[in-house]
């Protein structure tokens, strides 16, 4: 692990401690839960055809929030404001409903975030996965999801050599996550060292956390499951997002429509040059 990267993580954790109190109000409100174990299906009527997604019961906060927004009409008229071929299509920015062609999009939401619900490796970023967008780790270390924005994975098919390299990268990400967690657990000590401008103590703590990180990673080495390997080498996906964003459902009908959307012409900020929108979202039986 690179020490300069870990030091930046250490300092980012410290910096964010002072911000967490200001974000205390960004909690989603509790919503109703489904009465049985059936998965809820939602139909997205788009300007290119219909897409049907199924919501996982193992991610109840995301499921219930999505149902609430669908039933309130929040998604009716929103644009697919970010489209990247062989990666994903993203929507859910409420500001996009009335956006002009030069309007910058991607910041609109209902005013709250949702606690991360990683059900990994059971649910991962295979082609057709439905996942919640979010802000980056530096401002969002808990990886809380946007209250409304989501994306559908298109991705690419990986060869065995590519997937091996990707696995190595994901193993490094795992170590960074372990280090970040350990740094958060030692935040009081970090605050004290920073307050006293104790650089020697900070370096010693960093070295100690690196040793703990390497030991923990060695006990639980990162590897892709057989299901992931099969999916990424057959239908494709975006494995580098696994464990970073909440996957809370998947497309069960209309991937051809998703493909039509991912192939549209895009301009600045990956926004389609001709608007592509969700005309109507509704719960289906």
Protein backbone atom coordinates (compact mmCIF):
# COMPACT_ATOMS: atom_id res chain seq x y z
CA UNK A 1 0.00 0.00 0.00
CA UNK A 2 1.27 3.48 -0.86
CA UNK A 3 1.93 5.62 2.21
CA UNK A 4 1.07 8.90 0.52
CA UNK A 5 -2.37 7.53 -0.39
CA UNK A 6 -2.94 6.29 3.16
CA UNK A 7 -1.85 9.60 4.63
CA UNK A 8 -4.38 11.38 2.42
CA UNK A 9 -7.06 8.97 3.67
CA UNK A 10 -5.97 9.61 7.24
CA UNK A 11 -6.22 13.37 6.80
CA UNK A 12 -9.52 13.11 4.92
CA UNK A 13 -11.01 11.19 7.84
CA UNK A 14 -9.86 13.93 10.19
CA UNK A 15 -11.23 16.70 7.96
CA UNK A 16 -14.60 15.01 7.64
CA UNK A 17 -15.05 14.64 11.39
CA UNK A 18 -15.88 18.32 11.66
CA UNK A 19 -18.39 18.03 8.82
CA UNK A 20 -20.36 15.05 10.12
CA UNK A 21 -22.25 17.10 12.70
CA UNK A 22 -23.44 19.45 9.96
CA UNK A 23 -24.82 16.51 7.96
CA UNK A 24 -26.80 15.03 10.84
CA UNK A 25 -30.08 16.04 9.24
CA UNK A 26 -29.50 14.12 6.00
CA UNK A 27 -31.44 11.05 7.08
CA UNK A 28 -34.19 9.48 5.05
CA UNK A 29 -37.58 9.17 6.70
CA UNK A 30 -38.94 5.68 7.46
CA UNK A 31 -41.35 4.39 4.85
CA UNK A 32 -43.73 1.47 4.60
CA UNK A 33 -42.48 -2.05 4.09
CA UNK A 34 -43.90 -4.73 1.83
CA UNK A 35 -46.27 -7.12 3.55
CA UNK A 36 -44.77 -10.31 2.15
CA UNK A 37 -41.56 -11.66 0.66
CA UNK A 38 -42.49 -10.92 -2.93
CA UNK A 39 -40.16 -8.57 -4.74
CA UNK A 40 -41.69 -5.29 -5.85
CA UNK A 41 -41.62 -4.61 -9.57
CA UNK A 42 -41.49 -1.12 -11.05
CA UNK A 43 -42.12 -0.23 -14.68
CA UNK A 44 -40.25 2.74 -16.10
CA UNK A 45 -41.98 4.02 -19.22
CA UNK A 46 -39.25 5.87 -21.11
CA UNK A 47 -39.11 7.74 -24.39
CA UNK A 48 -37.33 4.69 -25.85
CA UNK A 49 -39.62 1.98 -24.44
CA UNK A 50 -40.41 0.29 -21.14
CA UNK A 51 -37.99 -1.07 -18.55
CA UNK A 52 -39.15 -3.26 -15.65
CA UNK A 53 -36.97 -3.50 -12.54
CA UNK A 54 -37.30 -5.72 -9.51
CA UNK A 55 -36.38 -4.35 -6.07
CA UNK A 56 -34.49 -6.53 -3.58
CA UNK A 57 -36.06 -7.09 -0.18
CA UNK A 58 -32.59 -7.35 1.38
CA UNK A 59 -32.13 -3.60 0.81
CA UNK A 60 -35.33 -2.42 2.53
CA UNK A 61 -34.45 1.26 2.94
CA UNK A 62 -33.64 1.65 -0.74
CA UNK A 63 -36.65 -0.45 -1.76
CA UNK A 64 -39.11 1.52 0.38
CA UNK A 65 -37.68 4.87 -0.64
CA UNK A 66 -37.88 3.94 -4.32
CA UNK A 67 -41.50 2.83 -3.91
CA UNK A 68 -42.32 6.09 -2.11
CA UNK A 69 -40.82 8.20 -4.89
CA UNK A 70 -42.53 6.19 -7.62
CA UNK A 71 -45.93 6.48 -5.94
CA UNK A 72 -45.48 10.23 -5.41
CA UNK A 73 -44.68 10.78 -9.10
CA UNK A 74 -41.16 12.01 -8.36
CA UNK A 75 -39.64 10.13 -11.31
CA UNK A 76 -42.29 11.16 -13.84
CA UNK A 77 -40.56 13.42 -16.34
CA UNK A 78 -36.96 13.11 -15.10
CA UNK A 79 -34.19 12.79 -17.68
CA UNK A 80 -31.43 10.25 -18.11
CA UNK A 81 -28.90 13.00 -17.51
CA UNK A 82 -25.71 10.88 -17.61
CA UNK A 83 -25.21 8.14 -20.18
CA UNK A 84 -21.90 6.35 -20.76
CA UNK A 85 -21.79 3.52 -23.27
CA UNK A 86 -20.51 0.20 -21.89
CA UNK A 87 -20.82 1.59 -18.37
CA UNK A 88 -24.25 2.76 -17.20
CA UNK A 89 -27.26 5.04 -17.67
CA UNK A 90 -28.17 7.38 -14.79
CA UNK A 91 -31.33 9.27 -13.88
CA UNK A 92 -33.33 10.53 -10.88
CA UNK A 93 -32.28 14.19 -10.71
CA UNK A 94 -35.54 15.98 -9.91
CA UNK A 95 -34.16 19.23 -11.33
CA UNK A 96 -33.92 17.64 -14.77
CA UNK A 97 -37.68 17.79 -15.36
CA UNK A 98 -37.51 21.45 -16.34
CA UNK A 99 -33.86 21.64 -17.37
CA UNK A 100 -32.81 23.55 -20.46
CA UNK A 101 -30.28 22.07 -22.89
CA UNK A 102 -27.33 23.85 -21.24
CA UNK A 103 -28.35 23.21 -17.62
CA UNK A 104 -25.80 21.34 -15.52
CA UNK A 105 -27.44 18.29 -13.95
CA UNK A 106 -26.52 15.71 -11.35
CA UNK A 107 -27.06 17.53 -8.05
CA UNK A 108 -30.83 17.25 -7.74
CA UNK A 109 -32.32 15.08 -4.97
CA UNK A 110 -35.17 15.10 -2.40
CA UNK A 111 -32.93 16.64 0.27
CA UNK A 112 -31.82 13.50 2.09
CA UNK A 113 -29.51 10.53 1.71
CA UNK A 114 -29.96 6.83 2.49
CA UNK A 115 -27.72 4.62 4.59
CA UNK A 116 -25.63 2.24 2.49
CA UNK A 117 -27.05 -1.30 2.24
CA UNK A 118 -24.32 -3.46 0.75
CA UNK A 119 -25.48 -7.04 0.25
CA UNK A 120 -22.18 -8.07 -1.27
CA UNK A 121 -21.16 -10.36 -2.87
CA UNK A 122 -24.71 -11.67 -3.35
CA UNK A 123 -25.71 -8.55 -5.25
CA UNK A 124 -23.08 -7.02 -7.49
CA UNK A 125 -22.66 -4.84 -10.57
CA UNK A 126 -23.59 -7.33 -13.27
CA UNK A 127 -25.21 -6.12 -16.48
CA UNK A 128 -28.75 -4.95 -15.64
CA UNK A 129 -28.05 -4.18 -11.97
CA UNK A 130 -29.99 -1.29 -10.45
CA UNK A 131 -27.85 0.76 -8.06
CA UNK A 132 -27.96 4.03 -6.14
CA UNK A 133 -25.77 6.95 -7.15
CA UNK A 134 -23.89 8.87 -4.47
CA UNK A 135 -21.24 11.49 -3.85
CA UNK A 136 -17.59 10.46 -3.57
CA UNK A 137 -15.78 8.98 -0.58
CA UNK A 138 -13.92 12.19 0.28
CA UNK A 139 -17.18 13.96 1.16
CA UNK A 140 -19.20 10.82 1.88
CA UNK A 141 -17.07 8.26 3.73
CA UNK A 142 -20.14 6.29 4.83
CA UNK A 143 -21.09 5.87 1.17
CA UNK A 144 -24.64 6.97 1.75
CA UNK A 145 -26.83 6.85 -1.33
CA UNK A 146 -28.55 9.72 -3.10
CA UNK A 147 -32.17 10.02 -2.05
CA UNK A 148 -33.34 9.64 -5.65
CA UNK A 149 -30.62 9.20 -8.25
CA UNK A 150 -29.93 5.72 -9.56
CA UNK A 151 -28.24 4.00 -12.47
CA UNK A 152 -28.63 0.82 -14.50
CA UNK A 153 -25.45 -1.04 -15.35
CA UNK A 154 -24.62 -1.90 -18.95
CA UNK A 155 -20.90 -2.53 -18.53
CA UNK A 156 -18.66 -4.72 -20.66
CA UNK A 157 -17.62 -8.35 -20.90
CA UNK A 158 -14.22 -9.08 -19.36
CA UNK A 159 -11.64 -11.62 -20.48
CA UNK A 160 -9.96 -13.77 -17.85
CA UNK A 161 -6.73 -11.71 -17.91
CA UNK A 162 -8.65 -8.44 -17.60
CA UNK A 163 -10.64 -9.83 -14.71
CA UNK A 164 -7.46 -10.97 -12.99
CA UNK A 165 -6.07 -7.43 -13.17
CA UNK A 166 -9.39 -6.05 -11.97
CA UNK A 167 -9.33 -8.45 -9.02
CA UNK A 168 -5.91 -7.12 -8.03
CA UNK A 169 -7.23 -3.56 -8.17
CA UNK A 170 -10.25 -4.51 -6.06
CA UNK A 171 -7.94 -6.14 -3.51
CA UNK A 172 -6.18 -2.78 -3.14
CA UNK A 173 -9.56 -1.06 -2.76
CA UNK A 174 -10.39 -3.55 -0.01
CA UNK A 175 -7.20 -2.55 1.83
CA UNK A 176 -8.06 1.13 1.47
CA UNK A 177 -11.51 0.44 2.93
CA UNK A 178 -9.99 -1.42 5.88
CA UNK A 179 -7.54 1.42 6.48
CA UNK A 180 -10.32 4.01 6.29
CA UNK A 181 -12.38 2.07 8.85
CA UNK A 182 -9.41 1.75 11.21
CA UNK A 183 -8.66 5.45 10.84
CA UNK A 184 -12.25 6.28 11.72
CA UNK A 185 -12.04 4.03 14.78
CA UNK A 186 -8.94 6.00 15.86
CA UNK A 187 -10.41 9.41 15.16
CA UNK A 188 -10.02 10.70 18.74
CA UNK A 189 -6.34 9.86 18.66
CA UNK A 190 -6.00 11.50 15.23
CA UNK A 191 -7.68 14.67 16.52
CA UNK A 192 -5.32 14.81 19.49
CA UNK A 193 -2.23 14.30 17.31
CA UNK A 194 -3.41 16.95 14.86
CA UNK A 195 -4.19 19.37 17.69
CA UNK A 196 -0.67 18.91 19.09
CA UNK A 197 0.90 19.07 15.60
CA UNK A 198 2.57 15.75 16.43
CA UNK A 199 3.81 14.67 12.99
CA UNK A 200 5.99 11.94 14.44
CA UNK A 201 3.03 10.51 16.31
CA UNK A 202 0.87 10.74 13.18
CA UNK A 203 3.46 8.81 11.15
CA UNK A 204 3.73 6.18 13.87
CA UNK A 205 -0.05 5.79 13.94
CA UNK A 206 -0.14 5.51 10.16
CA UNK A 207 2.47 2.75 10.21
CA UNK A 208 0.55 0.94 12.93
CA UNK A 209 -2.70 1.12 10.92
CA UNK A 210 -0.89 -0.11 7.79
CA UNK A 211 0.29 -3.19 9.69
CA UNK A 212 -3.23 -3.82 11.00
CA UNK A 213 -4.63 -3.35 7.50
CA UNK A 214 -2.23 -5.84 5.92
CA UNK A 215 -2.91 -8.39 8.67
CA UNK A 216 -6.68 -8.13 8.30
CA UNK A 217 -6.51 -8.30 4.50
CA UNK A 218 -4.31 -11.41 4.74
CA UNK A 219 -6.92 -13.14 6.90
CA UNK A 220 -9.71 -12.33 4.44
CA UNK A 221 -8.11 -12.11 0.98
CA UNK A 222 -10.28 -10.53 -1.69
CA UNK A 223 -11.65 -12.76 -4.43
CA UNK A 224 -14.57 -12.78 -6.82
CA UNK A 225 -17.24 -15.42 -6.34
CA UNK A 226 -17.95 -18.02 -9.01
CA UNK A 227 -21.20 -16.19 -9.78
CA UNK A 228 -19.34 -12.92 -10.31
CA UNK A 229 -16.71 -14.57 -12.50
CA UNK A 230 -19.39 -16.20 -14.61
CA UNK A 231 -21.41 -12.97 -14.99
CA UNK A 232 -18.49 -10.71 -15.78
CA UNK A 233 -17.09 -13.08 -18.41
CA UNK A 234 -20.46 -13.85 -20.04
CA UNK A 235 -22.97 -10.98 -19.79
CA UNK A 236 -20.61 -8.31 -18.43
CA UNK A 237 -20.87 -5.55 -15.86
CA UNK A 238 -18.78 -3.05 -13.90
CA UNK A 239 -16.82 -4.99 -11.24
CA UNK A 240 -14.80 -1.96 -10.10
CA UNK A 241 -17.99 -0.54 -8.50
CA UNK A 242 -18.63 -3.62 -6.36
CA UNK A 243 -18.86 -2.91 -2.66
CA UNK A 244 -18.76 0.84 -3.33
CA UNK A 245 -22.37 1.56 -4.28
CA UNK A 246 -25.61 -0.02 -3.06
CA UNK A 247 -27.12 -2.46 -5.57
CA UNK A 248 -30.82 -2.65 -4.73
CA UNK A 249 -32.47 -4.31 -7.72
CA UNK A 250 -32.12 -5.44 -11.31
CA UNK A 251 -33.74 -5.17 -14.72
CA UNK A 252 -36.01 -8.14 -15.49
CA UNK A 253 -37.50 -6.77 -18.73
CA UNK A 254 -36.34 -4.16 -21.23
CA UNK A 255 -32.55 -4.44 -21.38
CA UNK A 256 -32.95 -3.81 -25.10
CA UNK A 257 -34.38 -0.41 -24.14
CA UNK A 258 -31.44 0.19 -21.79
CA UNK A 259 -29.10 -0.60 -24.70
CA UNK A 260 -30.94 1.86 -26.95
CA UNK A 261 -30.45 4.55 -24.34
CA UNK A 262 -26.77 3.77 -23.77
CA UNK A 263 -26.15 4.17 -27.51
CA UNK A 264 -27.60 7.67 -27.87
CA UNK A 265 -25.35 10.58 -28.78
CA UNK A 266 -24.12 12.48 -25.74
CA UNK A 267 -22.49 15.86 -25.21
CA UNK A 268 -21.12 17.80 -22.27
CA UNK A 269 -21.11 15.93 -18.93
CA UNK A 270 -22.29 12.77 -20.78
CA UNK A 271 -25.79 14.18 -21.16
CA UNK A 272 -27.76 12.98 -24.21
CA UNK A 273 -27.95 15.66 -26.88
CA UNK A 274 -31.64 14.82 -27.34
CA UNK A 275 -33.53 14.42 -24.05
CA UNK A 276 -34.27 10.86 -22.94
CA UNK A 277 -36.79 10.76 -20.12
CA UNK A 278 -38.83 8.59 -17.82
CA UNK A 279 -42.36 9.47 -18.90
CA UNK A 280 -44.03 7.51 -16.11
CA UNK A 281 -42.92 5.20 -13.30
CA UNK A 282 -45.41 2.85 -11.67
CA UNK A 283 -45.60 -0.21 -9.44
CA UNK A 284 -46.64 -3.32 -11.34
CA UNK A 285 -47.93 -6.68 -10.13
